[in-house]
Amino acid sequence: PRRYYSFDTFQAFNQFDTMNQVITIAAIVAFFLQFVFII
């Protein structure tokens, strides 16, 4: 589900921990890439 603060208590969704980390790292890289455009 979207808009959940944490999935720690949901056993069914813990399998996506690594995927969530990959998504987050990609989002951070995408964010800082926009400063290339801004500069």
PDB file of all heavy atoms in Angstrom:
ATOM      1  N   PRO A   1       0.820  -1.224   0.000  1.00  0.00           N
ATOM      2  CA  PRO A   1       0.000   0.000   0.000  1.00  0.00           C
ATOM      3  C   PRO A   1       0.848   1.266   0.000  1.00  0.00           C
ATOM      4  O   PRO A   1       1.940   1.295   0.559  1.00  0.00           O
ATOM      5  CB  PRO A   1      -0.809  -0.119   1.297  1.00  0.00           C
ATOM      6  CG  PRO A   1       0.027  -0.973   2.183  1.00  0.00           C
ATOM      7  CD  PRO A   1       0.820  -1.898   1.308  1.00  0.00           C
ATOM      8  N   ARG A   2       0.352   2.293  -0.639  1.00  0.00           N
ATOM      9  CA  ARG A   2       1.052   3.578  -0.648  1.00  0.00           C
ATOM     10  C   ARG A   2       0.743   4.351   0.633  1.00  0.00           C
ATOM     11  O   ARG A   2      -0.183   4.026   1.367  1.00  0.00           O
ATOM     12  CB  ARG A   2       0.640   4.399  -1.875  1.00  0.00           C
ATOM     13  CG  ARG A   2      -0.840   4.752  -1.940  1.00  0.00           C
ATOM     14  CD  ARG A   2      -1.148   5.604  -3.159  1.00  0.00           C
ATOM     15  NE  ARG A   2      -2.579   5.827  -3.323  1.00  0.00           N
ATOM     16  CZ  ARG A   2      -3.103   6.687  -4.184  1.00  0.00           C
ATOM     17  NH1 ARG A   2      -2.307   7.408  -4.947  1.00  0.00           N
ATOM     18  NH2 ARG A   2      -4.412   6.834  -4.302  1.00  0.00           N
ATOM     19  N   ARG A   3       1.552   5.387   0.899  1.00  0.00           N
ATOM     20  CA  ARG A   3       1.355   6.332   1.998  1.00  0.00           C
ATOM     21  C   ARG A   3       1.520   5.698   3.381  1.00  0.00           C
ATOM     22  O   ARG A   3       1.100   6.278   4.367  1.00  0.00           O
ATOM     23  CB  ARG A   3      -0.015   7.024   1.902  1.00  0.00           C
ATOM     24  CG  ARG A   3      -0.182   7.854   0.632  1.00  0.00           C
ATOM     25  CD  ARG A   3      -1.546   8.495   0.544  1.00  0.00           C
ATOM     26  NE  ARG A   3      -1.707   9.231  -0.711  1.00  0.00           N
ATOM     27  CZ  ARG A   3      -2.869   9.632  -1.196  1.00  0.00           C
ATOM     28  NH1 ARG A   3      -3.988   9.373  -0.545  1.00  0.00           N
ATOM     29  NH2 ARG A   3      -2.935  10.289  -2.333  1.00  0.00           N
ATOM     30  N   TYR A   4       2.121   4.533   3.456  1.00  0.00           N
ATOM     31  CA  TYR A   4       2.403   3.941   4.761  1.00  0.00           C
ATOM     32  C   TYR A   4       3.747   4.459   5.253  1.00  0.00           C
ATOM     33  O   TYR A   4       4.723   4.493   4.492  1.00  0.00           O
ATOM     34  CB  TYR A   4       2.419   2.415   4.681  1.00  0.00           C
ATOM     35  CG  TYR A   4       1.064   1.758   4.845  1.00  0.00           C
ATOM     36  CD1 TYR A   4      -0.074   2.309   4.253  1.00  0.00           C
ATOM     37  CD2 TYR A   4       0.904   0.601   5.580  1.00  0.00           C
ATOM     38  CE1 TYR A   4      -1.314   1.723   4.383  1.00  0.00           C
ATOM     39  CE2 TYR A   4      -0.336  -0.010   5.727  1.00  0.00           C
ATOM     40  CZ  TYR A   4      -1.440   0.566   5.115  1.00  0.00           C
ATOM     41  OH  TYR A   4      -2.680  -0.024   5.261  1.00  0.00           O
ATOM     42  N   TYR A   5       3.802   4.788   6.531  1.00  0.00           N
ATOM     43  CA  TYR A   5       5.019   5.332   7.137  1.00  0.00           C
ATOM     44  C   TYR A   5       6.100   4.270   7.258  1.00  0.00           C
ATOM     45  O   TYR A   5       7.282   4.546   7.075  1.00  0.00           O
ATOM     46  CB  TYR A   5       4.651   5.892   8.515  1.00  0.00           C
ATOM     47  CG  TYR A   5       5.817   6.262   9.404  1.00  0.00           C
ATOM     48  CD1 TYR A   5       6.541   7.430   9.179  1.00  0.00           C
ATOM     49  CD2 TYR A   5       6.182   5.455  10.492  1.00  0.00           C
ATOM     50  CE1 TYR A   5       7.589   7.779  10.014  1.00  0.00           C
ATOM     51  CE2 TYR A   5       7.225   5.802  11.324  1.00  0.00           C
ATOM     52  CZ  TYR A   5       7.931   6.963  11.078  1.00  0.00           C
ATOM     53  OH  TYR A   5       8.974   7.316  11.897  1.00  0.00           O
ATOM     54  N   SER A   6       5.707   3.037   7.568  1.00  0.00           N
ATOM     55  CA  SER A   6       6.669   1.966   7.774  1.00  0.00           C
ATOM     56  C   SER A   6       6.010   0.620   7.471  1.00  0.00           C
ATOM     57  O   SER A   6       4.813   0.441   7.696  1.00  0.00           O
ATOM     58  CB  SER A   6       7.176   1.980   9.219  1.00  0.00           C
ATOM     59  OG  SER A   6       7.970   0.843   9.483  1.00  0.00           O
ATOM     60  N   PHE A   7       6.820  -0.310   6.958  1.00  0.00           N
ATOM     61  CA  PHE A   7       6.319  -1.663   6.679  1.00  0.00           C
ATOM     62  C   PHE A   7       6.931  -2.696   7.634  1.00  0.00           C
ATOM     63  O   PHE A   7       6.832  -3.892   7.392  1.00  0.00           O
ATOM     64  CB  PHE A   7       6.632  -2.043   5.222  1.00  0.00           C
ATOM     65  CG  PHE A   7       5.942  -1.160   4.214  1.00  0.00           C
ATOM     66  CD1 PHE A   7       6.654  -0.208   3.501  1.00  0.00           C
ATOM     67  CD2 PHE A   7       4.579  -1.267   3.996  1.00  0.00           C
ATOM     68  CE1 PHE A   7       6.019   0.613   2.580  1.00  0.00           C
ATOM     69  CE2 PHE A   7       3.932  -0.453   3.075  1.00  0.00           C
ATOM     70  CZ  PHE A   7       4.650   0.494   2.370  1.00  0.00           C
ATOM     71  N   ASP A   8       7.556  -2.209   8.718  1.00  0.00           N
ATOM     72  CA  ASP A   8       8.258  -3.116   9.631  1.00  0.00           C
ATOM     73  C   ASP A   8       7.345  -4.190  10.201  1.00  0.00           C
ATOM     74  O   ASP A   8       7.774  -5.327  10.425  1.00  0.00           O
ATOM     75  CB  ASP A   8       8.890  -2.317  10.781  1.00  0.00           C
ATOM     76  CG  ASP A   8      10.092  -1.517  10.307  1.00  0.00           C
ATOM     77  OD1 ASP A   8      10.543  -1.760   9.173  1.00  0.00           O
ATOM     78  OD2 ASP A   8      10.574  -0.653  11.073  1.00  0.00           O
ATOM     79  N   THR A   9       6.105  -3.823  10.476  1.00  0.00           N
ATOM     80  CA  THR A   9       5.198  -4.765  11.132  1.00  0.00           C
ATOM     81  C   THR A   9       4.438  -5.643  10.144  1.00  0.00           C
ATOM     82  O   THR A   9       3.615  -6.454  10.559  1.00  0.00           O
ATOM     83  CB  THR A   9       4.179  -3.992  12.010  1.00  0.00           C
ATOM     84  OG1 THR A   9       3.489  -3.049  11.180  1.00  0.00           O
ATOM     85  CG2 THR A   9       4.881  -3.266  13.138  1.00  0.00           C
ATOM     86  N   PHE A  10       4.724  -5.491   8.848  1.00  0.00           N
ATOM     87  CA  PHE A  10       4.015  -6.272   7.835  1.00  0.00           C
ATOM     88  C   PHE A  10       4.971  -7.327   7.267  1.00  0.00           C
ATOM     89  O   PHE A  10       5.848  -7.018   6.454  1.00  0.00           O
ATOM     90  CB  PHE A  10       3.505  -5.373   6.706  1.00  0.00           C
ATOM     91  CG  PHE A  10       2.478  -4.376   7.147  1.00  0.00           C
ATOM     92  CD1 PHE A  10       2.853  -3.110   7.564  1.00  0.00           C
ATOM     93  CD2 PHE A  10       1.138  -4.704   7.152  1.00  0.00           C
ATOM     94  CE1 PHE A  10       1.909  -2.189   7.967  1.00  0.00           C
ATOM     95  CE2 PHE A  10       0.179  -3.780   7.558  1.00  0.00           C
ATOM     96  CZ  PHE A  10       0.563  -2.524   7.964  1.00  0.00           C
ATOM     97  N   GLN A  11       4.767  -8.558   7.713  1.00  0.00           N
ATOM     98  CA  GLN A  11       5.658  -9.624   7.283  1.00  0.00           C
ATOM     99  C   GLN A  11       5.616  -9.809   5.764  1.00  0.00           C
ATOM    100  O   GLN A  11       6.625 -10.096   5.123  1.00  0.00           O
ATOM    101  CB  GLN A  11       5.251 -10.923   7.978  1.00  0.00           C
ATOM    102  CG  GLN A  11       6.414 -11.891   8.147  1.00  0.00           C
ATOM    103  CD  GLN A  11       6.066 -13.012   9.096  1.00  0.00           C
ATOM    104  OE1 GLN A  11       4.900 -13.172   9.466  1.00  0.00           O
ATOM    105  NE2 GLN A  11       7.051 -13.783   9.516  1.00  0.00           N
ATOM    106  N   ALA A  12       4.431  -9.614   5.164  1.00  0.00           N
ATOM    107  CA  ALA A  12       4.275  -9.845   3.726  1.00  0.00           C
ATOM    108  C   ALA A  12       5.094  -8.860   2.896  1.00  0.00           C
ATOM    109  O   ALA A  12       5.437  -9.143   1.742  1.00  0.00           O
ATOM    110  CB  ALA A  12       2.798  -9.751   3.347  1.00  0.00           C
ATOM    111  N   PHE A  13       5.383  -7.665   3.452  1.00  0.00           N
ATOM    112  CA  PHE A  13       6.046  -6.625   2.661  1.00  0.00           C
ATOM    113  C   PHE A  13       7.527  -6.463   2.994  1.00  0.00           C
ATOM    114  O   PHE A  13       8.218  -5.672   2.362  1.00  0.00           O
ATOM    115  CB  PHE A  13       5.334  -5.285   2.862  1.00  0.00           C
ATOM    116  CG  PHE A  13       3.856  -5.340   2.557  1.00  0.00           C
ATOM    117  CD1 PHE A  13       2.937  -4.681   3.362  1.00  0.00           C
ATOM    118  CD2 PHE A  13       3.386  -6.067   1.476  1.00  0.00           C
ATOM    119  CE1 PHE A  13       1.571  -4.743   3.083  1.00  0.00           C
ATOM    120  CE2 PHE A  13       2.031  -6.136   1.192  1.00  0.00           C
ATOM    121  CZ  PHE A  13       1.125  -5.471   1.995  1.00  0.00           C
ATOM    122  N   ASN A  14       8.034  -7.202   3.995  1.00  0.00           N
ATOM    123  CA  ASN A  14       9.443  -7.082   4.350  1.00  0.00           C
ATOM    124  C   ASN A  14      10.368  -7.535   3.235  1.00  0.00           C
ATOM    125  O   ASN A  14      11.537  -7.140   3.177  1.00  0.00           O
ATOM    126  CB  ASN A  14       9.745  -7.891   5.624  1.00  0.00           C
ATOM    127  CG  ASN A  14       9.180  -7.202   6.857  1.00  0.00           C
ATOM    128  OD1 ASN A  14       8.849  -6.028   6.812  1.00  0.00           O
ATOM    129  ND2 ASN A  14       9.075  -7.945   7.952  1.00  0.00           N
ATOM    130  N   GLN A  15       9.836  -8.370   2.332  1.00  0.00           N
ATOM    131  CA  GLN A  15      10.668  -8.878   1.237  1.00  0.00           C
ATOM    132  C   GLN A  15      11.095  -7.761   0.287  1.00  0.00           C
ATOM    133  O   GLN A  15      12.001  -7.955  -0.530  1.00  0.00           O
ATOM    134  CB  GLN A  15       9.887  -9.946   0.465  1.00  0.00           C
ATOM    135  CG  GLN A  15       8.583  -9.410  -0.135  1.00  0.00           C
ATOM    136  CD  GLN A  15       7.753 -10.495  -0.782  1.00  0.00           C
ATOM    137  OE1 GLN A  15       8.245 -11.173  -1.672  1.00  0.00           O
ATOM    138  NE2 GLN A  15       6.507 -10.649  -0.355  1.00  0.00           N
ATOM    139  N   PHE A  16      10.441  -6.584   0.398  1.00  0.00           N
ATOM    140  CA  PHE A  16      10.761  -5.480  -0.512  1.00  0.00           C
ATOM    141  C   PHE A  16      11.735  -4.468   0.108  1.00  0.00           C
ATOM    142  O   PHE A  16      11.913  -3.374  -0.430  1.00  0.00           O
ATOM    143  CB  PHE A  16       9.481  -4.758  -0.937  1.00  0.00           C
ATOM    144  CG  PHE A  16       8.564  -5.614  -1.774  1.00  0.00           C
ATOM    145  CD1 PHE A  16       7.368  -6.087  -1.250  1.00  0.00           C
ATOM    146  CD2 PHE A  16       8.906  -5.958  -3.066  1.00  0.00           C
ATOM    147  CE1 PHE A  16       6.527  -6.881  -2.015  1.00  0.00           C
ATOM    148  CE2 PHE A  16       8.073  -6.754  -3.839  1.00  0.00           C
ATOM    149  CZ  PHE A  16       6.884  -7.222  -3.311  1.00  0.00           C
ATOM    150  N   ASP A  17      12.358  -4.840   1.229  1.00  0.00           N
ATOM    151  CA  ASP A  17      13.287  -3.908   1.880  1.00  0.00           C
ATOM    152  C   ASP A  17      14.415  -3.490   0.939  1.00  0.00           C
ATOM    153  O   ASP A  17      14.728  -2.301   0.810  1.00  0.00           O
ATOM    154  CB  ASP A  17      13.877  -4.545   3.149  1.00  0.00           C
ATOM    155  CG  ASP A  17      12.881  -4.578   4.297  1.00  0.00           C
ATOM    156  OD1 ASP A  17      11.786  -3.992   4.137  1.00  0.00           O
ATOM    157  OD2 ASP A  17      13.186  -5.199   5.338  1.00  0.00           O
ATOM    158  N   THR A  18      15.013  -4.466   0.266  1.00  0.00           N
ATOM    159  CA  THR A  18      16.128  -4.155  -0.635  1.00  0.00           C
ATOM    160  C   THR A  18      15.649  -3.309  -1.810  1.00  0.00           C
ATOM    161  O   THR A  18      16.322  -2.348  -2.217  1.00  0.00           O
ATOM    162  CB  THR A  18      16.778  -5.455  -1.149  1.00  0.00           C
ATOM    163  OG1 THR A  18      17.214  -6.226  -0.030  1.00  0.00           O
ATOM    164  CG2 THR A  18      17.966  -5.139  -2.048  1.00  0.00           C
ATOM    165  N   MET A  19      14.480  -3.648  -2.353  1.00  0.00           N
ATOM    166  CA  MET A  19      13.928  -2.873  -3.460  1.00  0.00           C
ATOM    167  C   MET A  19      13.673  -1.428  -3.040  1.00  0.00           C
ATOM    168  O   MET A  19      13.962  -0.491  -3.795  1.00  0.00           O
ATOM    169  CB  MET A  19      12.636  -3.517  -3.963  1.00  0.00           C
ATOM    170  CG  MET A  19      12.079  -2.878  -5.234  1.00  0.00           C
ATOM    171  SD  MET A  19      10.588  -3.690  -5.844  1.00  0.00           S
ATOM    172  CE  MET A  19      11.294  -5.165  -6.577  1.00  0.00           C
ATOM    173  N   ASN A  20      13.160  -1.241  -1.828  1.00  0.00           N
ATOM    174  CA  ASN A  20      12.927   0.114  -1.322  1.00  0.00           C
ATOM    175  C   ASN A  20      14.231   0.889  -1.194  1.00  0.00           C
ATOM    176  O   ASN A  20      14.280   2.100  -1.440  1.00  0.00           O
ATOM    177  CB  ASN A  20      12.211   0.065   0.030  1.00  0.00           C
ATOM    178  CG  ASN A  20      10.696   0.059  -0.121  1.00  0.00           C
ATOM    179  OD1 ASN A  20      10.160   0.664  -1.045  1.00  0.00           O
ATOM    180  ND2 ASN A  20      10.015  -0.629   0.768  1.00  0.00           N
ATOM    181  N   GLN A  21      15.304   0.188  -0.808  1.00  0.00           N
ATOM    182  CA  GLN A  21      16.601   0.864  -0.707  1.00  0.00           C
ATOM    183  C   GLN A  21      17.110   1.286  -2.088  1.00  0.00           C
ATOM    184  O   GLN A  21      17.623   2.398  -2.266  1.00  0.00           O
ATOM    185  CB  GLN A  21      17.600  -0.068  -0.019  1.00  0.00           C
ATOM    186  CG  GLN A  21      17.303  -0.291   1.459  1.00  0.00           C
ATOM    187  CD  GLN A  21      18.171  -1.369   2.069  1.00  0.00           C
ATOM    188  OE1 GLN A  21      19.092  -1.882   1.424  1.00  0.00           O
ATOM    189  NE2 GLN A  21      17.897  -1.718   3.321  1.00  0.00           N
ATOM    190  N   VAL A  22      16.954   0.404  -3.077  1.00  0.00           N
ATOM    191  CA  VAL A  22      17.378   0.727  -4.444  1.00  0.00           C
ATOM    192  C   VAL A  22      16.589   1.925  -4.974  1.00  0.00           C
ATOM    193  O   VAL A  22      17.155   2.858  -5.577  1.00  0.00           O
ATOM    194  CB  VAL A  22      17.199  -0.497  -5.366  1.00  0.00           C
ATOM    195  CG1 VAL A  22      17.404  -0.104  -6.830  1.00  0.00           C
ATOM    196  CG2 VAL A  22      18.155  -1.611  -4.976  1.00  0.00           C
ATOM    197  N   ILE A  23      15.259   1.910  -4.745  1.00  0.00           N
ATOM    198  CA  ILE A  23      14.416   3.023  -5.194  1.00  0.00           C
ATOM    199  C   ILE A  23      14.862   4.323  -4.548  1.00  0.00           C
ATOM    200  O   ILE A  23      14.972   5.370  -5.212  1.00  0.00           O
ATOM    201  CB  ILE A  23      12.929   2.733  -4.874  1.00  0.00           C
ATOM    202  CG1 ILE A  23      12.402   1.589  -5.737  1.00  0.00           C
ATOM    203  CG2 ILE A  23      12.074   3.992  -5.072  1.00  0.00           C
ATOM    204  CD1 ILE A  23      11.020   1.100  -5.332  1.00  0.00           C
ATOM    205  N   THR A  24      15.140   4.270  -3.250  1.00  0.00           N
ATOM    206  CA  THR A  24      15.539   5.482  -2.523  1.00  0.00           C
ATOM    207  C   THR A  24      16.866   6.020  -3.042  1.00  0.00           C
ATOM    208  O   THR A  24      17.018   7.239  -3.253  1.00  0.00           O
ATOM    209  CB  THR A  24      15.621   5.185  -1.015  1.00  0.00           C
ATOM    210  OG1 THR A  24      14.331   4.787  -0.544  1.00  0.00           O
ATOM    211  CG2 THR A  24      16.084   6.415  -0.240  1.00  0.00           C
ATOM    212  N   ILE A  25      17.841   5.147  -3.248  1.00  0.00           N
ATOM    213  CA  ILE A  25      19.148   5.591  -3.762  1.00  0.00           C
ATOM    214  C   ILE A  25      18.984   6.208  -5.151  1.00  0.00           C
ATOM    215  O   ILE A  25      19.555   7.274  -5.453  1.00  0.00           O
ATOM    216  CB  ILE A  25      20.143   4.409  -3.790  1.00  0.00           C
ATOM    217  CG1 ILE A  25      20.488   3.996  -2.358  1.00  0.00           C
ATOM    218  CG2 ILE A  25      21.402   4.782  -4.555  1.00  0.00           C
ATOM    219  CD1 ILE A  25      21.218   2.667  -2.253  1.00  0.00           C
ATOM    220  N   ALA A  26      18.185   5.561  -6.009  1.00  0.00           N
ATOM    221  CA  ALA A  26      17.941   6.109  -7.353  1.00  0.00           C
ATOM    222  C   ALA A  26      17.267   7.477  -7.264  1.00  0.00           C
ATOM    223  O   ALA A  26      17.586   8.392  -8.041  1.00  0.00           O
ATOM    224  CB  ALA A  26      17.090   5.147  -8.164  1.00  0.00           C
ATOM    225  N   ALA A  27      16.324   7.633  -6.318  1.00  0.00           N
ATOM    226  CA  ALA A  27      15.637   8.922  -6.155  1.00  0.00           C
ATOM    227  C   ALA A  27      16.610  10.007  -5.710  1.00  0.00           C
ATOM    228  O   ALA A  27      16.541  11.158  -6.176  1.00  0.00           O
ATOM    229  CB  ALA A  27      14.504   8.778  -5.143  1.00  0.00           C
ATOM    230  N   ILE A  28      17.527   9.667  -4.819  1.00  0.00           N
ATOM    231  CA  ILE A  28      18.517  10.647  -4.351  1.00  0.00           C
ATOM    232  C   ILE A  28      19.418  11.077  -5.507  1.00  0.00           C
ATOM    233  O   ILE A  28      19.697  12.272  -5.696  1.00  0.00           O
ATOM    234  CB  ILE A  28      19.346  10.057  -3.191  1.00  0.00           C
ATOM    235  CG1 ILE A  28      18.460   9.866  -1.958  1.00  0.00           C
ATOM    236  CG2 ILE A  28      20.528  10.965  -2.854  1.00  0.00           C
ATOM    237  CD1 ILE A  28      19.111   9.049  -0.846  1.00  0.00           C
ATOM    238  N   VAL A  29      19.872  10.098  -6.306  1.00  0.00           N
ATOM    239  CA  VAL A  29      20.716  10.426  -7.464  1.00  0.00           C
ATOM    240  C   VAL A  29      19.941  11.317  -8.443  1.00  0.00           C
ATOM    241  O   VAL A  29      20.468  12.319  -8.952  1.00  0.00           O
ATOM    242  CB  VAL A  29      21.200   9.139  -8.162  1.00  0.00           C
ATOM    243  CG1 VAL A  29      21.946   9.475  -9.451  1.00  0.00           C
ATOM    244  CG2 VAL A  29      22.093   8.324  -7.230  1.00  0.00           C
ATOM    245  N   ALA A  30      18.667  10.969  -8.700  1.00  0.00           N
ATOM    246  CA  ALA A  30      17.837  11.767  -9.610  1.00  0.00           C
ATOM    247  C   ALA A  30      17.687  13.195  -9.099  1.00  0.00           C
ATOM    248  O   ALA A  30      17.752  14.163  -9.872  1.00  0.00           O
ATOM    249  CB  ALA A  30      16.461  11.121  -9.781  1.00  0.00           C
ATOM    250  N   PHE A  31      17.494  13.341  -7.792  1.00  0.00           N
ATOM    251  CA  PHE A  31      17.333  14.674  -7.190  1.00  0.00           C
ATOM    252  C   PHE A  31      18.581  15.520  -7.414  1.00  0.00           C
ATOM    253  O   PHE A  31      18.497  16.674  -7.865  1.00  0.00           O
ATOM    254  CB  PHE A  31      17.029  14.522  -5.700  1.00  0.00           C
ATOM    255  CG  PHE A  31      16.959  15.827  -4.949  1.00  0.00           C
ATOM    256  CD1 PHE A  31      15.891  16.699  -5.126  1.00  0.00           C
ATOM    257  CD2 PHE A  31      17.962  16.182  -4.059  1.00  0.00           C
ATOM    258  CE1 PHE A  31      15.814  17.900  -4.428  1.00  0.00           C
ATOM    259  CE2 PHE A  31      17.899  17.382  -3.356  1.00  0.00           C
ATOM    260  CZ  PHE A  31      16.820  18.245  -3.544  1.00  0.00           C
ATOM    261  N   PHE A  32      19.745  14.952  -7.132  1.00  0.00           N
ATOM    262  CA  PHE A  32      20.971  15.747  -7.270  1.00  0.00           C
ATOM    263  C   PHE A  32      21.331  15.997  -8.730  1.00  0.00           C
ATOM    264  O   PHE A  32      21.989  16.990  -9.052  1.00  0.00           O
ATOM    265  CB  PHE A  32      22.117  15.092  -6.500  1.00  0.00           C
ATOM    266  CG  PHE A  32      22.016  15.303  -5.012  1.00  0.00           C
ATOM    267  CD1 PHE A  32      21.623  14.270  -4.177  1.00  0.00           C
ATOM    268  CD2 PHE A  32      22.266  16.549  -4.453  1.00  0.00           C
ATOM    269  CE1 PHE A  32      21.490  14.474  -2.806  1.00  0.00           C
ATOM    270  CE2 PHE A  32      22.147  16.775  -3.087  1.00  0.00           C
ATOM    271  CZ  PHE A  32      21.754  15.729  -2.259  1.00  0.00           C
ATOM    272  N   LEU A  33      20.880  15.113  -9.626  1.00  0.00           N
ATOM    273  CA  LEU A  33      21.094  15.372 -11.050  1.00  0.00           C
ATOM    274  C   LEU A  33      20.376  16.632 -11.504  1.00  0.00           C
ATOM    275  O   LEU A  33      20.812  17.296 -12.456  1.00  0.00           O
ATOM    276  CB  LEU A  33      20.600  14.184 -11.876  1.00  0.00           C
ATOM    277  CG  LEU A  33      21.604  13.053 -12.124  1.00  0.00           C
ATOM    278  CD1 LEU A  33      20.895  11.820 -12.655  1.00  0.00           C
ATOM    279  CD2 LEU A  33      22.701  13.499 -13.099  1.00  0.00           C
ATOM    280  N   GLN A  34      19.268  16.973 -10.844  1.00  0.00           N
ATOM    281  CA  GLN A  34      18.534  18.172 -11.251  1.00  0.00           C
ATOM    282  C   GLN A  34      19.337  19.442 -10.960  1.00  0.00           C
ATOM    283  O   GLN A  34      19.087  20.493 -11.563  1.00  0.00           O
ATOM    284  CB  GLN A  34      17.163  18.235 -10.568  1.00  0.00           C
ATOM    285  CG  GLN A  34      16.285  17.011 -10.808  1.00  0.00           C
ATOM    286  CD  GLN A  34      16.383  16.471 -12.221  1.00  0.00           C
ATOM    287  OE1 GLN A  34      16.110  17.167 -13.201  1.00  0.00           O
ATOM    288  NE2 GLN A  34      16.780  15.201 -12.341  1.00  0.00           N
ATOM    289  N   PHE A  35      20.309  19.344 -10.051  1.00  0.00           N
ATOM    290  CA  PHE A  35      21.154  20.509  -9.799  1.00  0.00           C
ATOM    291  C   PHE A  35      22.125  20.744 -10.956  1.00  0.00           C
ATOM    292  O   PHE A  35      22.610  21.861 -11.132  1.00  0.00           O
ATOM    293  CB  PHE A  35      21.896  20.346  -8.465  1.00  0.00           C
ATOM    294  CG  PHE A  35      20.992  20.570  -7.277  1.00  0.00           C
ATOM    295  CD1 PHE A  35      20.367  19.504  -6.662  1.00  0.00           C
ATOM    296  CD2 PHE A  35      20.744  21.860  -6.812  1.00  0.00           C
ATOM    297  CE1 PHE A  35      19.515  19.703  -5.589  1.00  0.00           C
ATOM    298  CE2 PHE A  35      19.895  22.072  -5.739  1.00  0.00           C
ATOM    299  CZ  PHE A  35      19.277  20.991  -5.126  1.00  0.00           C
ATOM    300  N   VAL A  36      22.406  19.705 -11.740  1.00  0.00           N
ATOM    301  CA  VAL A  36      23.163  19.910 -12.981  1.00  0.00           C
ATOM    302  C   VAL A  36      22.375  20.843 -13.895  1.00  0.00           C
ATOM    303  O   VAL A  36      22.930  21.784 -14.491  1.00  0.00           O
ATOM    304  CB  VAL A  36      23.431  18.559 -13.681  1.00  0.00           C
ATOM    305  CG1 VAL A  36      24.083  18.784 -15.048  1.00  0.00           C
ATOM    306  CG2 VAL A  36      24.282  17.653 -12.802  1.00  0.00           C
ATOM    307  N   PHE A  37      21.058  20.571 -14.007  1.00  0.00           N
ATOM    308  CA  PHE A  37      20.203  21.446 -14.818  1.00  0.00           C
ATOM    309  C   PHE A  37      20.138  22.853 -14.222  1.00  0.00           C
ATOM    310  O   PHE A  37      20.257  23.855 -14.955  1.00  0.00           O
ATOM    311  CB  PHE A  37      18.796  20.856 -14.907  1.00  0.00           C
ATOM    312  CG  PHE A  37      17.754  21.839 -15.379  1.00  0.00           C
ATOM    313  CD1 PHE A  37      17.652  22.170 -16.730  1.00  0.00           C
ATOM    314  CD2 PHE A  37      16.887  22.461 -14.479  1.00  0.00           C
ATOM    315  CE1 PHE A  37      16.721  23.091 -17.169  1.00  0.00           C
ATOM    316  CE2 PHE A  37      15.949  23.378 -14.912  1.00  0.00           C
ATOM    317  CZ  PHE A  37      15.867  23.700 -16.263  1.00  0.00           C
ATOM    318  N   ILE A  38      19.931  22.954 -12.913  1.00  0.00           N
ATOM    319  CA  ILE A  38      19.758  24.265 -12.277  1.00  0.00           C
ATOM    320  C   ILE A  38      21.020  25.118 -12.449  1.00  0.00           C
ATOM    321  O   ILE A  38      20.949  26.314 -12.784  1.00  0.00           O
ATOM    322  CB  ILE A  38      19.385  24.088 -10.792  1.00  0.00           C
ATOM    323  CG1 ILE A  38      17.968  23.505 -10.676  1.00  0.00           C
ATOM    324  CG2 ILE A  38      19.474  25.408 -10.038  1.00  0.00           C
ATOM    325  CD1 ILE A  38      17.611  22.991  -9.302  1.00  0.00           C
ATOM    326  N   ILE A  39      22.195  24.500 -12.226  1.00  0.00           N
ATOM    327  CA  ILE A  39      23.460  25.234 -12.409  1.00  0.00           C
ATOM    328  C   ILE A  39      23.600  25.652 -13.873  1.00  0.00           C
ATOM    329  O   ILE A  39      23.951  26.807 -14.179  1.00  0.00           O
ATOM    330  CB  ILE A  39      24.645  24.353 -11.973  1.00  0.00           C
ATOM    331  CG1 ILE A  39      24.618  24.154 -10.453  1.00  0.00           C
ATOM    332  CG2 ILE A  39      25.971  24.978 -12.407  1.00  0.00           C
ATOM    333  CD1 ILE A  39      25.527  23.051  -9.952  1.00  0.00           C
TER     334      ILE A  39
END
